[in-house]
PDB file of all heavy atoms in Angstrom:
ATOM      1  N   TRP A   1      54.214 -36.658  -5.191  1.00  0.00           N
ATOM      2  CA  TRP A   1      53.745 -36.997  -6.529  1.00  0.00           C
ATOM      3  C   TRP A   1      54.733 -37.955  -7.171  1.00  0.00           C
ATOM      4  O   TRP A   1      55.928 -37.676  -7.242  1.00  0.00           O
ATOM      5  CB  TRP A   1      53.607 -35.723  -7.366  1.00  0.00           C
ATOM      6  CG  TRP A   1      53.051 -35.939  -8.732  1.00  0.00           C
ATOM      7  CD1 TRP A   1      51.752 -36.188  -9.053  1.00  0.00           C
ATOM      8  CD2 TRP A   1      53.757 -35.883  -9.965  1.00  0.00           C
ATOM      9  NE1 TRP A   1      51.613 -36.299 -10.407  1.00  0.00           N
ATOM     10  CE2 TRP A   1      52.838 -36.119 -10.996  1.00  0.00           C
ATOM     11  CE3 TRP A   1      55.093 -35.670 -10.301  1.00  0.00           C
ATOM     12  CZ2 TRP A   1      53.193 -36.147 -12.336  1.00  0.00           C
ATOM     13  CZ3 TRP A   1      55.455 -35.699 -11.632  1.00  0.00           C
ATOM     14  CH2 TRP A   1      54.505 -35.933 -12.629  1.00  0.00           C
ATOM     15  N   LEU A   2      54.240 -39.124  -7.622  1.00  0.00           N
ATOM     16  CA  LEU A   2      55.110 -40.106  -8.261  1.00  0.00           C
ATOM     17  C   LEU A   2      55.085 -39.989  -9.778  1.00  0.00           C
ATOM     18  O   LEU A   2      56.058 -40.338 -10.439  1.00  0.00           O
ATOM     19  CB  LEU A   2      54.706 -41.526  -7.859  1.00  0.00           C
ATOM     20  CG  LEU A   2      54.800 -41.864  -6.379  1.00  0.00           C
ATOM     21  CD1 LEU A   2      54.436 -43.323  -6.153  1.00  0.00           C
ATOM     22  CD2 LEU A   2      56.182 -41.561  -5.834  1.00  0.00           C
ATOM     23  N   GLY A   3      53.961 -39.539 -10.311  1.00  0.00           N
ATOM     24  CA  GLY A   3      53.865 -39.419 -11.762  1.00  0.00           C
ATOM     25  C   GLY A   3      52.418 -39.492 -12.214  1.00  0.00           C
ATOM     26  O   GLY A   3      51.499 -39.554 -11.409  1.00  0.00           O
ATOM     27  N   VAL A   4      52.257 -39.486 -13.527  1.00  0.00           N
ATOM     28  CA  VAL A   4      50.931 -39.556 -14.126  1.00  0.00           C
ATOM     29  C   VAL A   4      50.908 -40.720 -15.106  1.00  0.00           C
ATOM     30  O   VAL A   4      51.892 -40.984 -15.797  1.00  0.00           O
ATOM     31  CB  VAL A   4      50.548 -38.223 -14.818  1.00  0.00           C
ATOM     32  CG1 VAL A   4      51.483 -37.904 -15.966  1.00  0.00           C
ATOM     33  CG2 VAL A   4      49.112 -38.236 -15.291  1.00  0.00           C
ATOM     34  N   LEU A   5      49.802 -41.451 -15.110  1.00  0.00           N
ATOM     35  CA  LEU A   5      49.607 -42.509 -16.094  1.00  0.00           C
ATOM     36  C   LEU A   5      48.532 -42.079 -17.070  1.00  0.00           C
ATOM     37  O   LEU A   5      47.460 -41.617 -16.658  1.00  0.00           O
ATOM     38  CB  LEU A   5      49.201 -43.821 -15.420  1.00  0.00           C
ATOM     39  CG  LEU A   5      50.394 -44.745 -15.171  1.00  0.00           C
ATOM     40  CD1 LEU A   5      51.191 -44.263 -14.017  1.00  0.00           C
ATOM     41  CD2 LEU A   5      49.964 -46.150 -15.046  1.00  0.00           C
ATOM     42  N   ARG A   6      48.812 -42.209 -18.325  1.00  0.00           N
ATOM     43  CA  ARG A   6      47.850 -41.900 -19.393  1.00  0.00           C
ATOM     44  C   ARG A   6      46.847 -43.042 -19.481  1.00  0.00           C
ATOM     45  O   ARG A   6      47.056 -44.118 -18.929  1.00  0.00           O
ATOM     46  CB  ARG A   6      48.582 -41.711 -20.722  1.00  0.00           C
ATOM     47  CG  ARG A   6      49.710 -40.707 -20.687  1.00  0.00           C
ATOM     48  CD  ARG A   6      49.179 -39.298 -20.632  1.00  0.00           C
ATOM     49  NE  ARG A   6      50.304 -38.359 -20.504  1.00  0.00           N
ATOM     50  CZ  ARG A   6      50.327 -37.359 -19.676  1.00  0.00           C
ATOM     51  NH1 ARG A   6      49.310 -37.126 -18.885  1.00  0.00           N
ATOM     52  NH2 ARG A   6      51.357 -36.552 -19.605  1.00  0.00           N
ATOM     53  N   PRO A   7      45.745 -42.842 -20.188  1.00  0.00           N
ATOM     54  CA  PRO A   7      44.744 -43.914 -20.303  1.00  0.00           C
ATOM     55  C   PRO A   7      45.359 -45.227 -20.820  1.00  0.00           C
ATOM     56  O   PRO A   7      46.126 -45.217 -21.782  1.00  0.00           O
ATOM     57  CB  PRO A   7      43.745 -43.350 -21.313  1.00  0.00           C
ATOM     58  CG  PRO A   7      43.877 -41.864 -21.181  1.00  0.00           C
ATOM     59  CD  PRO A   7      45.330 -41.628 -20.880  1.00  0.00           C
ATOM     60  N   HIS A   8      45.059 -46.300 -20.138  1.00  0.00           N
ATOM     61  CA  HIS A   8      45.457 -47.667 -20.500  1.00  0.00           C
ATOM     62  C   HIS A   8      46.972 -47.839 -20.610  1.00  0.00           C
ATOM     63  O   HIS A   8      47.454 -48.648 -21.383  1.00  0.00           O
ATOM     64  CB  HIS A   8      44.772 -48.103 -21.801  1.00  0.00           C
ATOM     65  CG  HIS A   8      43.293 -47.947 -21.746  1.00  0.00           C
ATOM     66  ND1 HIS A   8      42.490 -48.777 -20.992  1.00  0.00           N
ATOM     67  CD2 HIS A   8      42.470 -47.033 -22.316  1.00  0.00           C
ATOM     68  CE1 HIS A   8      41.238 -48.387 -21.114  1.00  0.00           C
ATOM     69  NE2 HIS A   8      41.189 -47.331 -21.909  1.00  0.00           N
ATOM     70  N   GLU A   9      47.716 -47.104 -19.811  1.00  0.00           N
ATOM     71  CA  GLU A   9      49.173 -47.169 -19.814  1.00  0.00           C
ATOM     72  C   GLU A   9      49.657 -48.056 -18.667  1.00  0.00           C
ATOM     73  O   GLU A   9      48.966 -48.237 -17.663  1.00  0.00           O
ATOM     74  CB  GLU A   9      49.740 -45.751 -19.652  1.00  0.00           C
ATOM     75  CG  GLU A   9      51.242 -45.663 -19.740  1.00  0.00           C
ATOM     76  CD  GLU A   9      51.740 -44.224 -19.603  1.00  0.00           C
ATOM     77  OE1 GLU A   9      51.143 -43.448 -18.832  1.00  0.00           O
ATOM     78  OE2 GLU A   9      52.729 -43.896 -20.253  1.00  0.00           O
ATOM     79  N   ALA A  10      50.853 -48.611 -18.803  1.00  0.00           N
ATOM     80  CA  ALA A  10      51.480 -49.397 -17.734  1.00  0.00           C
ATOM     81  C   ALA A  10      52.951 -49.024 -17.675  1.00  0.00           C
ATOM     82  O   ALA A  10      53.554 -48.663 -18.690  1.00  0.00           O
ATOM     83  CB  ALA A  10      51.329 -50.885 -18.002  1.00  0.00           C
ATOM     84  N   GLY A  11      53.515 -49.094 -16.483  1.00  0.00           N
ATOM     85  CA  GLY A  11      54.931 -48.809 -16.334  1.00  0.00           C
ATOM     86  C   GLY A  11      55.310 -48.636 -14.883  1.00  0.00           C
ATOM     87  O   GLY A  11      54.460 -48.614 -13.996  1.00  0.00           O
ATOM     88  N   PRO A  12      56.606 -48.503 -14.624  1.00  0.00           N
ATOM     89  CA  PRO A  12      57.084 -48.349 -13.251  1.00  0.00           C
ATOM     90  C   PRO A  12      57.106 -46.887 -12.814  1.00  0.00           C
ATOM     91  O   PRO A  12      57.325 -45.986 -13.608  1.00  0.00           O
ATOM     92  CB  PRO A  12      58.508 -48.907 -13.318  1.00  0.00           C
ATOM     93  CG  PRO A  12      58.953 -48.585 -14.713  1.00  0.00           C
ATOM     94  CD  PRO A  12      57.719 -48.688 -15.570  1.00  0.00           C
ATOM     95  N   LEU A  13      56.859 -46.676 -11.534  1.00  0.00           N
ATOM     96  CA  LEU A  13      57.068 -45.396 -10.867  1.00  0.00           C
ATOM     97  C   LEU A  13      58.001 -45.688  -9.698  1.00  0.00           C
ATOM     98  O   LEU A  13      57.996 -46.799  -9.162  1.00  0.00           O
ATOM     99  CB  LEU A  13      55.748 -44.802 -10.368  1.00  0.00           C
ATOM    100  CG  LEU A  13      54.697 -44.477 -11.430  1.00  0.00           C
ATOM    101  CD1 LEU A  13      53.405 -44.010 -10.761  1.00  0.00           C
ATOM    102  CD2 LEU A  13      55.212 -43.411 -12.374  1.00  0.00           C
ATOM    103  N   GLU A  14      58.795 -44.706  -9.298  1.00  0.00           N
ATOM    104  CA  GLU A  14      59.755 -44.932  -8.221  1.00  0.00           C
ATOM    105  C   GLU A  14      59.627 -43.886  -7.129  1.00  0.00           C
ATOM    106  O   GLU A  14      59.169 -42.770  -7.380  1.00  0.00           O
ATOM    107  CB  GLU A  14      61.184 -44.903  -8.772  1.00  0.00           C
ATOM    108  CG  GLU A  14      61.505 -46.038  -9.696  1.00  0.00           C
ATOM    109  CD  GLU A  14      62.949 -46.003 -10.154  1.00  0.00           C
ATOM    110  OE1 GLU A  14      63.587 -44.936 -10.088  1.00  0.00           O
ATOM    111  OE2 GLU A  14      63.434 -47.060 -10.577  1.00  0.00           O
ATOM    112  N   PHE A  15      60.059 -44.284  -5.930  1.00  0.00           N
ATOM    113  CA  PHE A  15      60.146 -43.347  -4.817  1.00  0.00           C
ATOM    114  C   PHE A  15      61.316 -43.757  -3.931  1.00  0.00           C
ATOM    115  O   PHE A  15      61.765 -44.902  -3.974  1.00  0.00           O
ATOM    116  CB  PHE A  15      58.828 -43.276  -4.028  1.00  0.00           C
ATOM    117  CG  PHE A  15      58.404 -44.564  -3.374  1.00  0.00           C
ATOM    118  CD1 PHE A  15      58.790 -44.865  -2.081  1.00  0.00           C
ATOM    119  CD2 PHE A  15      57.583 -45.459  -4.047  1.00  0.00           C
ATOM    120  CE1 PHE A  15      58.389 -46.035  -1.469  1.00  0.00           C
ATOM    121  CE2 PHE A  15      57.174 -46.635  -3.446  1.00  0.00           C
ATOM    122  CZ  PHE A  15      57.582 -46.923  -2.154  1.00  0.00           C
ATOM    123  N   PRO A  16      61.855 -42.812  -3.146  1.00  0.00           N
ATOM    124  CA  PRO A  16      63.006 -43.125  -2.286  1.00  0.00           C
ATOM    125  C   PRO A  16      62.667 -44.188  -1.241  1.00  0.00           C
ATOM    126  O   PRO A  16      61.576 -44.186  -0.666  1.00  0.00           O
ATOM    127  CB  PRO A  16      63.330 -41.793  -1.603  1.00  0.00           C
ATOM    128  CG  PRO A  16      62.633 -40.750  -2.397  1.00  0.00           C
ATOM    129  CD  PRO A  16      61.467 -41.409  -3.055  1.00  0.00           C
ATOM    130  N   SER A  17      63.598 -45.079  -1.007  1.00  0.00           N
ATOM    131  CA  SER A  17      63.349 -46.171  -0.065  1.00  0.00           C
ATOM    132  C   SER A  17      63.097 -45.670   1.355  1.00  0.00           C
ATOM    133  O   SER A  17      62.460 -46.346   2.146  1.00  0.00           O
ATOM    134  CB  SER A  17      64.506 -47.164  -0.073  1.00  0.00           C
ATOM    135  OG  SER A  17      65.694 -46.525   0.335  1.00  0.00           O
ATOM    136  N   GLY A  18      63.572 -44.467   1.678  1.00  0.00           N
ATOM    137  CA  GLY A  18      63.318 -43.904   3.006  1.00  0.00           C
ATOM    138  C   GLY A  18      61.841 -43.719   3.291  1.00  0.00           C
ATOM    139  O   GLY A  18      61.421 -43.685   4.450  1.00  0.00           O
ATOM    140  N   ARG A  19      61.041 -43.603   2.252  1.00  0.00           N
ATOM    141  CA  ARG A  19      59.588 -43.432   2.433  1.00  0.00           C
ATOM    142  C   ARG A  19      58.907 -44.697   2.941  1.00  0.00           C
ATOM    143  O   ARG A  19      57.763 -44.648   3.391  1.00  0.00           O
ATOM    144  CB  ARG A  19      58.929 -43.015   1.112  1.00  0.00           C
ATOM    145  CG  ARG A  19      59.315 -41.666   0.554  1.00  0.00           C
ATOM    146  CD  ARG A  19      58.801 -40.510   1.401  1.00  0.00           C
ATOM    147  NE  ARG A  19      57.410 -40.585   1.724  1.00  0.00           N
ATOM    148  CZ  ARG A  19      56.452 -39.813   1.240  1.00  0.00           C
ATOM    149  NH1 ARG A  19      56.740 -38.893   0.366  1.00  0.00           N
ATOM    150  NH2 ARG A  19      55.205 -39.937   1.613  1.00  0.00           N
ATOM    151  N   THR A  20      59.574 -45.836   2.872  1.00  0.00           N
ATOM    152  CA  THR A  20      58.946 -47.085   3.316  1.00  0.00           C
ATOM    153  C   THR A  20      58.848 -47.175   4.831  1.00  0.00           C
ATOM    154  O   THR A  20      58.097 -47.992   5.342  1.00  0.00           O
ATOM    155  CB  THR A  20      59.731 -48.310   2.799  1.00  0.00           C
ATOM    156  OG1 THR A  20      61.058 -48.273   3.316  1.00  0.00           O
ATOM    157  CG2 THR A  20      59.751 -48.330   1.286  1.00  0.00           C
ATOM    158  N   ARG A  21      59.581 -46.316   5.542  1.00  0.00           N
ATOM    159  CA  ARG A  21      59.533 -46.326   7.012  1.00  0.00           C
ATOM    160  C   ARG A  21      58.325 -45.521   7.475  1.00  0.00           C
ATOM    161  O   ARG A  21      58.441 -44.382   7.889  1.00  0.00           O
ATOM    162  CB  ARG A  21      60.819 -45.750   7.575  1.00  0.00           C
ATOM    163  CG  ARG A  21      61.991 -46.648   7.335  1.00  0.00           C
ATOM    164  CD  ARG A  21      63.256 -46.100   7.947  1.00  0.00           C
ATOM    165  NE  ARG A  21      64.290 -46.182   6.922  1.00  0.00           N
ATOM    166  CZ  ARG A  21      64.944 -45.149   6.420  1.00  0.00           C
ATOM    167  NH1 ARG A  21      64.725 -43.936   6.860  1.00  0.00           N
ATOM    168  NH2 ARG A  21      65.851 -45.318   5.489  1.00  0.00           N
ATOM    169  N   CYS A  22      57.168 -46.121   7.399  1.00  0.00           N
ATOM    170  CA  CYS A  22      55.919 -45.431   7.745  1.00  0.00           C
ATOM    171  C   CYS A  22      55.075 -46.362   8.606  1.00  0.00           C
ATOM    172  O   CYS A  22      54.573 -47.379   8.124  1.00  0.00           O
ATOM    173  CB  CYS A  22      55.177 -45.046   6.463  1.00  0.00           C
ATOM    174  SG  CYS A  22      53.578 -44.295   6.777  1.00  0.00           S
ATOM    175  N   VAL A  23      54.928 -46.017   9.855  1.00  0.00           N
ATOM    176  CA  VAL A  23      54.191 -46.859  10.802  1.00  0.00           C
ATOM    177  C   VAL A  23      52.728 -47.012  10.389  1.00  0.00           C
ATOM    178  O   VAL A  23      52.152 -48.086  10.488  1.00  0.00           O
ATOM    179  CB  VAL A  23      54.301 -46.275  12.234  1.00  0.00           C
ATOM    180  CG1 VAL A  23      53.427 -47.043  13.203  1.00  0.00           C
ATOM    181  CG2 VAL A  23      55.744 -46.276  12.690  1.00  0.00           C
ATOM    182  N   GLN A  24      52.121 -45.931   9.897  1.00  0.00           N
ATOM    183  CA  GLN A  24      50.699 -45.969   9.510  1.00  0.00           C
ATOM    184  C   GLN A  24      50.465 -46.790   8.245  1.00  0.00           C
ATOM    185  O   GLN A  24      49.345 -47.168   7.956  1.00  0.00           O
ATOM    186  CB  GLN A  24      50.155 -44.555   9.262  1.00  0.00           C
ATOM    187  CG  GLN A  24      50.207 -43.652  10.449  1.00  0.00           C
ATOM    188  CD  GLN A  24      51.482 -42.810  10.444  1.00  0.00           C
ATOM    189  OE1 GLN A  24      52.449 -43.085   9.754  1.00  0.00           O
ATOM    190  NE2 GLN A  24      51.473 -41.769  11.252  1.00  0.00           N
ATOM    191  N   GLY A  25      51.493 -47.040   7.473  1.00  0.00           N
ATOM    192  CA  GLY A  25      51.367 -47.755   6.207  1.00  0.00           C
ATOM    193  C   GLY A  25      51.343 -46.776   5.047  1.00  0.00           C
ATOM    194  O   GLY A  25      50.929 -45.619   5.191  1.00  0.00           O
ATOM    195  N   LEU A  26      51.805 -47.236   3.913  1.00  0.00           N
ATOM    196  CA  LEU A  26      51.835 -46.407   2.712  1.00  0.00           C
ATOM    197  C   LEU A  26      50.484 -46.442   2.021  1.00  0.00           C
ATOM    198  O   LEU A  26      49.872 -47.498   1.885  1.00  0.00           O
ATOM    199  CB  LEU A  26      52.909 -46.907   1.744  1.00  0.00           C
ATOM    200  CG  LEU A  26      54.340 -46.832   2.250  1.00  0.00           C
ATOM    201  CD1 LEU A  26      55.280 -47.466   1.237  1.00  0.00           C
ATOM    202  CD2 LEU A  26      54.735 -45.392   2.505  1.00  0.00           C
ATOM    203  N   ASN A  27      50.030 -45.298   1.599  1.00  0.00           N
ATOM    204  CA  ASN A  27      48.798 -45.180   0.830  1.00  0.00           C
ATOM    205  C   ASN A  27      49.105 -44.524  -0.498  1.00  0.00           C
ATOM    206  O   ASN A  27      49.989 -43.678  -0.598  1.00  0.00           O
ATOM    207  CB  ASN A  27      47.771 -44.309   1.566  1.00  0.00           C
ATOM    208  CG  ASN A  27      47.140 -45.027   2.719  1.00  0.00           C
ATOM    209  OD1 ASN A  27      46.518 -46.055   2.559  1.00  0.00           O
ATOM    210  ND2 ASN A  27      47.339 -44.498   3.914  1.00  0.00           N
ATOM    211  N   PHE A  28      48.360 -44.911  -1.497  1.00  0.00           N
ATOM    212  CA  PHE A  28      48.401 -44.214  -2.772  1.00  0.00           C
ATOM    213  C   PHE A  28      47.147 -43.367  -2.855  1.00  0.00           C
ATOM    214  O   PHE A  28      46.066 -43.784  -2.431  1.00  0.00           O
ATOM    215  CB  PHE A  28      48.446 -45.199  -3.940  1.00  0.00           C
ATOM    216  CG  PHE A  28      49.726 -45.962  -3.996  1.00  0.00           C
ATOM    217  CD1 PHE A  28      49.814 -47.239  -3.483  1.00  0.00           C
ATOM    218  CD2 PHE A  28      50.863 -45.394  -4.547  1.00  0.00           C
ATOM    219  CE1 PHE A  28      50.994 -47.949  -3.516  1.00  0.00           C
ATOM    220  CE2 PHE A  28      52.058 -46.093  -4.586  1.00  0.00           C
ATOM    221  CZ  PHE A  28      52.117 -47.375  -4.071  1.00  0.00           C
ATOM    222  N   PHE A  29      47.307 -42.172  -3.388  1.00  0.00           N
ATOM    223  CA  PHE A  29      46.163 -41.305  -3.630  1.00  0.00           C
ATOM    224  C   PHE A  29      46.138 -41.062  -5.127  1.00  0.00           C
ATOM    225  O   PHE A  29      47.108 -40.582  -5.710  1.00  0.00           O
ATOM    226  CB  PHE A  29      46.279 -39.991  -2.852  1.00  0.00           C
ATOM    227  CG  PHE A  29      45.024 -39.180  -2.882  1.00  0.00           C
ATOM    228  CD1 PHE A  29      43.886 -39.610  -2.223  1.00  0.00           C
ATOM    229  CD2 PHE A  29      44.970 -37.993  -3.589  1.00  0.00           C
ATOM    230  CE1 PHE A  29      42.723 -38.871  -2.246  1.00  0.00           C
ATOM    231  CE2 PHE A  29      43.811 -37.248  -3.622  1.00  0.00           C
ATOM    232  CZ  PHE A  29      42.691 -37.678  -2.941  1.00  0.00           C
ATOM    233  N   LEU A  30      45.048 -41.452  -5.757  1.00  0.00           N
ATOM    234  CA  LEU A  30      44.895 -41.368  -7.205  1.00  0.00           C
ATOM    235  C   LEU A  30      43.948 -40.234  -7.543  1.00  0.00           C
ATOM    236  O   LEU A  30      42.850 -40.159  -6.992  1.00  0.00           O
ATOM    237  CB  LEU A  30      44.330 -42.681  -7.755  1.00  0.00           C
ATOM    238  CG  LEU A  30      45.040 -43.956  -7.291  1.00  0.00           C
ATOM    239  CD1 LEU A  30      44.300 -45.185  -7.804  1.00  0.00           C
ATOM    240  CD2 LEU A  30      46.486 -43.962  -7.750  1.00  0.00           C
ATOM    241  N   VAL A  31      44.357 -39.366  -8.456  1.00  0.00           N
ATOM    242  CA  VAL A  31      43.510 -38.254  -8.870  1.00  0.00           C
ATOM    243  C   VAL A  31      43.153 -38.443 -10.344  1.00  0.00           C
ATOM    244  O   VAL A  31      44.022 -38.383 -11.217  1.00  0.00           O
ATOM    245  CB  VAL A  31      44.205 -36.893  -8.653  1.00  0.00           C
ATOM    246  CG1 VAL A  31      43.301 -35.758  -9.135  1.00  0.00           C
ATOM    247  CG2 VAL A  31      44.565 -36.711  -7.186  1.00  0.00           C
TER     248      VAL A  31
END
């Protein structure tokens, strides 16, 4: 979980750089 965005909000979210080592590719899942 990276965070939650409120309606019509903008801003940065962060994650550890170690997560970028993903052969399948990074996906975002939005709920």
